Amino acid sequence: MPTVDDILEQVGEFGCFQKQAFLTLCLLSLVFAPIYVGIVFLGFTPDHRCLSPGVAELSHRCGWSLAEELNYTVPGLGAADEAFLRQCRRYEVDWNQSTLSCQDPLAGLAANRSHLPLGPCRDGWVYDTPGSSIVTEFDLVCADAWKVDLFQSCVNAGFFLGSLVIGYVADRFGRKLCLLVTALVNALAGVLMALAPDYTSMLLFRLLQGLVSKGTWMAGYTLITEFVGLGSRRTVAILYQMAYTVGLVALPGVAFAIPHWRWLQLAVSLPTFLSLLYYWCVPESPRWLLSQKRNTQAIKIMNHIAQKNGKLPPADLKLLSLEEDVTEKRSPSFADLFRTPHLRKHTFVLMYLWFTVAVLYQGLIMHMGTTSENLHLDFFYSALMEFPAAFVVLVTIDRVGRLYPMATAYLVAGAACFIMTFISHDLHWVNTVIACIGRLGITVVVQMICLVNAELYPTFIRSLGVMVCSSLCDVGGIITPFLVFRLMEIWQGLPLVLFGVLGLVAGGMTLLLPETKGKALPETIKDAENLRRKAKPKEKKNHLQIQTSELRGT
């Protein structure tokens, strides 16, 4: 009996229907970008200082310029190592008293300004920005600066929790229903976040968006890879991720045009509602329908694909069935990931690699967001690096292999982080170029690691192995904001030192794994244990559907 892949070979593996479905579903990948890294613009922290009642009136009476007002009334001004003083402390002075002169008003109160008492910003802050962010609206600075970290950690926590549920929903109720439900909740949560009246409610909607947004991305990926034939599956997977890159490239332009965070959040959330049109535009996966014994519907969809591609349906289409697995069925167990020496080593190494790729990918983006002189332009240049990264993967994955390109990419990213710590901040363009090289390296890893992960485990625990190891990616995403923003308070280059160490160690640990290029997928634990041995490939081809739904939890 013919399988879906057999039928697609006859009616078109990537014909008109698949191309149309691919372009349609790419919207899901595109709108995922602002959810994943939108913190750079939504949580932008501009220069700020304490609001001191009476200073504005005194400045107007004395005719001060802004520079004079700051010089006379803000502590720690001009000292690079006293940012905390000028941003989070103010002079405990009654600026309304008439005895203050216009020429250095504090001189009459103390011979040395350092002797004047300082206090917290009880009346709020003044922000030097024409727009707004969640920081400026909810005063997430100084003692409350950690709340920005929590805002980004919430979306990653949502990714982690959602990944435990959404996969089951897609397998139990169908890819299309999962896509439509998660897309609707994602869009509503995004809009409600833009309308949130306070920080707490905004945080809850952010968590909800994290719970479903990754599932929406995953459902779109699964659908398109199940529509195409074997020969096109890997290319389509990488191109689907490039749609995410298009979203990254477009994001700084949208943020520049819409500098107010609530309107920006609405602008990036409303397009998700268009995915509800998929109810009429995109059919259910015929592979899933066959797995649910709904053969009549699957045959009807395959007939539609044939007509769309301008082909006649095969005569044996009515005999369509799933390919039978003739191997012995075995229930997966978490303990199987650690049962044998090589699998145990692979599991621990892959956990570290997933954790590191999340920390470096998100960390480099966040660090650039806090140190950039031109945030929108630097973000744009950095995002462009994901296009050549995809090209590198396409060129090397079947020619060179998996491990050496991935290890090299880790080393490049780690070395770039170390180099940036030794470059003066005045050499802005040099820092930008090195940061872009590091971004290119870590993006290569992002696009390769899931394939490597899946190819190292036997069939009956392959999905479990990917899920368990890649869960460390979301764990890394949860702690990355705290690593970046809190370590920068100690020293601006400290996060980069940490990233450099993590990247270089990951590059070395990658080489502890066996190369899988040209090898059949392991079917048993014994096969997985013997991956390092040279053996003739089996006659029966084993095909892997690359489960890159975990890649951006990266």
Foldseek 3Di string as FASTA:
>chain_A
DDAPQRQCVFLPQCFLLLVVLLVLLLLLLLLVQCLQQVLLQQVFAFQKAADDPQLVVLCVVLVDDPVLSCVQWAPPPPPPLVSCRRHFKTFPDDNNDPCQDSPSRCCVVDVDPVPTDIDGRPPAMDGPDPADHPCRVQVCDDVNVCLSLLLQLLLLVLLLQLVVPLVVCCLPVFLLVLLLVLLVLLLVLLLVLLVDPHSVSVSVSSNSNSNRSLSNLLSSLVQSLLSGHQVCQLVSNLVSNVSNLVSLLCLLVLCVVHVYNSVSSNVSRVVSVVCNCCVPVPDTRLVSCQVVVVLVVSLVVSCVSSVSRVHHRDPCSSVYHHDDDPDDDDADDPCLCCVDDQSVLLLVLLLLLLLLLLLLQNLLLNLCSRLPPDNSVLSNLLSVLLVVLSVVCVPCCQPPFQLLLLLVLLLLLLVLLVVLVVDDSVPVVVNSVSSSSNSNSSSNNLSRSLVLQQQLDADNCSVVSSSVSLSSNSVSSSCNSVLQPVVVSVPSSVSSNVSNVSSNVSSVSSVVAATCRPEARHNDPVCSVCRNPDDHHDPDHDGDNRSSSSSSSD
